[in-house]
Amino acid sequence: MSDERERDIERRSRVLYDESVNNLDMRIRSRLTQARHAALAIAEKPASVRWLAWAPVYGAAAALVLGITLWIGHSTPDRVLASADSRSGFEDLEIVASNDQLELLQDDIEFYDWIDKSPAAEPAGSG
């Protein structure tokens, strides 16, 4: 029953569409024909021709993005590295200057020697 109803709706729609197209005045038909021919002419052009018209704009945008990226990316890591180097240098100096660490290492030298000689003490990347 549903298929029959759908066919009836399609048939009535097609009749109404055909009548509306046949009742258009000549001026509107002419404009529609011109628009259709213009659209077909554009569609027949190769895609590369349409792309080439926008190539300068794409090139300028790419150069702008690259320039901004290089300008921002170049200055930031230098500042971060300089500040990180200055902080780590003071921390290392403080550790070396401290006598507490040396006393802890000298308390149990045999233990460190035993760890060094044990088979489980191989470096992680060597196995």
Protein backbone atom coordinates (compact mmCIF):
# COMPACT_ATOMS: atom_id res chain seq x y z
CA MET A 1 0.00 0.00 0.00
CA SER A 2 2.88 2.31 0.81
CA ASP A 3 4.59 1.76 -2.57
CA GLU A 4 1.37 2.56 -4.39
CA ARG A 5 0.94 5.77 -2.39
CA GLU A 6 4.56 6.82 -3.07
CA ARG A 7 4.12 6.23 -6.81
CA ASP A 8 0.96 8.32 -6.77
CA ILE A 9 2.77 11.17 -4.99
CA GLU A 10 5.66 10.96 -7.47
CA ARG A 11 3.28 11.00 -10.44
CA ARG A 12 1.37 14.02 -9.14
CA SER A 13 4.63 15.83 -8.32
CA ARG A 14 5.97 15.19 -11.80
CA VAL A 15 2.76 16.49 -13.41
CA LEU A 16 2.86 19.64 -11.27
CA TYR A 17 6.55 20.19 -12.05
CA ASP A 18 6.03 19.76 -15.80
CA GLU A 19 3.11 22.19 -15.76
CA SER A 20 5.12 24.78 -13.84
CA VAL A 21 8.01 24.50 -16.29
CA ASN A 22 5.71 24.74 -19.31
CA ASN A 23 3.96 27.83 -17.88
CA LEU A 24 7.17 29.88 -17.44
CA ASP A 25 7.37 32.99 -19.58
CA MET A 26 10.09 33.25 -22.21
CA ARG A 27 12.17 35.81 -20.29
CA ILE A 28 12.61 33.50 -17.27
CA ARG A 29 13.30 30.50 -19.53
CA SER A 30 16.01 32.49 -21.29
CA ARG A 31 17.68 33.48 -18.02
CA LEU A 32 17.58 29.88 -16.76
CA THR A 33 19.10 28.63 -20.01
CA GLN A 34 21.89 31.21 -19.82
CA ALA A 35 22.62 30.28 -16.20
CA ARG A 36 22.73 26.57 -17.10
CA HIS A 37 25.16 27.20 -19.98
CA ALA A 38 27.38 29.38 -17.76
CA ALA A 39 27.49 26.67 -15.07
CA LEU A 40 28.35 24.01 -17.65
CA ALA A 41 31.15 26.20 -19.06
CA ILE A 42 32.68 26.59 -15.60
CA ALA A 43 32.37 22.88 -14.90
CA GLU A 44 34.13 22.03 -18.17
CA LYS A 45 37.25 24.02 -17.23
CA PRO A 46 39.96 21.84 -15.71
CA ALA A 47 40.36 22.12 -11.96
CA SER A 48 43.99 23.22 -12.36
CA VAL A 49 42.91 26.37 -14.22
CA ARG A 50 40.54 27.33 -11.42
CA TRP A 51 43.22 26.62 -8.81
CA LEU A 52 45.81 28.72 -10.60
CA ALA A 53 43.62 31.79 -10.27
CA TRP A 54 43.96 31.55 -6.47
CA ALA A 55 47.62 30.47 -6.41
CA PRO A 56 49.03 33.92 -5.45
CA VAL A 57 46.65 34.15 -2.52
CA TYR A 58 47.58 30.65 -1.32
CA GLY A 59 51.28 31.45 -1.69
CA ALA A 60 51.01 34.67 0.29
CA ALA A 61 49.05 32.93 3.06
CA ALA A 62 51.61 30.12 3.26
CA ALA A 63 54.50 32.59 3.42
CA LEU A 64 52.75 34.54 6.17
CA VAL A 65 52.13 31.42 8.25
CA LEU A 66 55.72 30.25 7.76
CA GLY A 67 57.11 33.65 8.70
CA ILE A 68 55.04 33.89 11.87
CA THR A 69 55.93 30.33 12.85
CA LEU A 70 59.65 30.95 12.40
CA TRP A 71 59.51 34.28 14.22
CA ILE A 72 57.61 32.92 17.23
CA GLY A 73 59.31 29.52 17.28
CA HIS A 74 62.83 30.90 17.06
CA SER A 75 62.75 33.32 19.98
CA THR A 76 60.90 31.21 22.57
CA PRO A 77 63.19 28.15 22.94
CA ASP A 78 66.28 30.32 23.30
CA ARG A 79 64.78 32.10 26.27
CA VAL A 80 63.57 28.87 27.87
CA LEU A 81 66.94 27.16 27.45
CA ALA A 82 68.81 30.14 28.84
CA SER A 83 66.66 30.26 31.96
CA ALA A 84 66.80 26.46 32.41
CA ASP A 85 70.59 26.43 32.11
CA SER A 86 70.99 29.14 34.71
CA ARG A 87 68.75 27.34 37.23
CA SER A 88 70.28 23.89 36.77
CA GLY A 89 73.79 25.31 37.13
CA PHE A 90 73.00 26.65 40.61
CA GLU A 91 71.38 23.36 41.66
CA ASP A 92 74.38 21.35 40.49
CA LEU A 93 76.75 23.69 42.27
CA GLU A 94 74.76 23.31 45.47
CA ILE A 95 74.86 19.49 45.27
CA VAL A 96 78.60 19.43 44.64
CA ALA A 97 79.28 21.89 47.44
CA SER A 98 77.24 19.84 49.93
CA ASN A 99 79.25 17.46 52.17
CA ASP A 100 76.16 15.43 53.17
CA GLN A 101 76.02 13.52 49.89
CA LEU A 102 79.68 12.47 50.08
CA GLU A 103 79.25 11.12 53.60
CA LEU A 104 76.29 8.95 52.53
CA LEU A 105 78.26 7.46 49.64
CA GLN A 106 81.26 6.58 51.84
CA ASP A 107 79.18 4.85 54.52
CA ASP A 108 78.62 1.64 52.57
CA ILE A 109 81.18 1.33 49.78
CA GLU A 110 81.04 -2.50 49.82
CA PHE A 111 77.31 -2.38 49.07
CA TYR A 112 77.86 -0.23 45.98
CA ASP A 113 80.66 -2.53 44.85
CA TRP A 114 78.38 -5.58 45.26
CA ILE A 115 75.57 -3.87 43.28
CA ASP A 116 78.00 -2.98 40.54
CA LYS A 117 79.20 -6.59 40.17
CA SER A 118 75.75 -8.28 40.33
CA PRO A 119 74.26 -9.57 37.01
CA ALA A 120 70.99 -7.63 37.52
CA ALA A 121 72.92 -4.36 37.48
CA GLU A 122 73.41 -4.37 33.73
CA PRO A 123 72.29 -1.18 32.02
CA ALA A 124 68.74 -1.31 30.63
CA GLY A 125 69.78 -0.81 26.97
CA SER A 126 72.56 -3.41 26.86
CA GLY A 127 70.44 -6.62 27.05
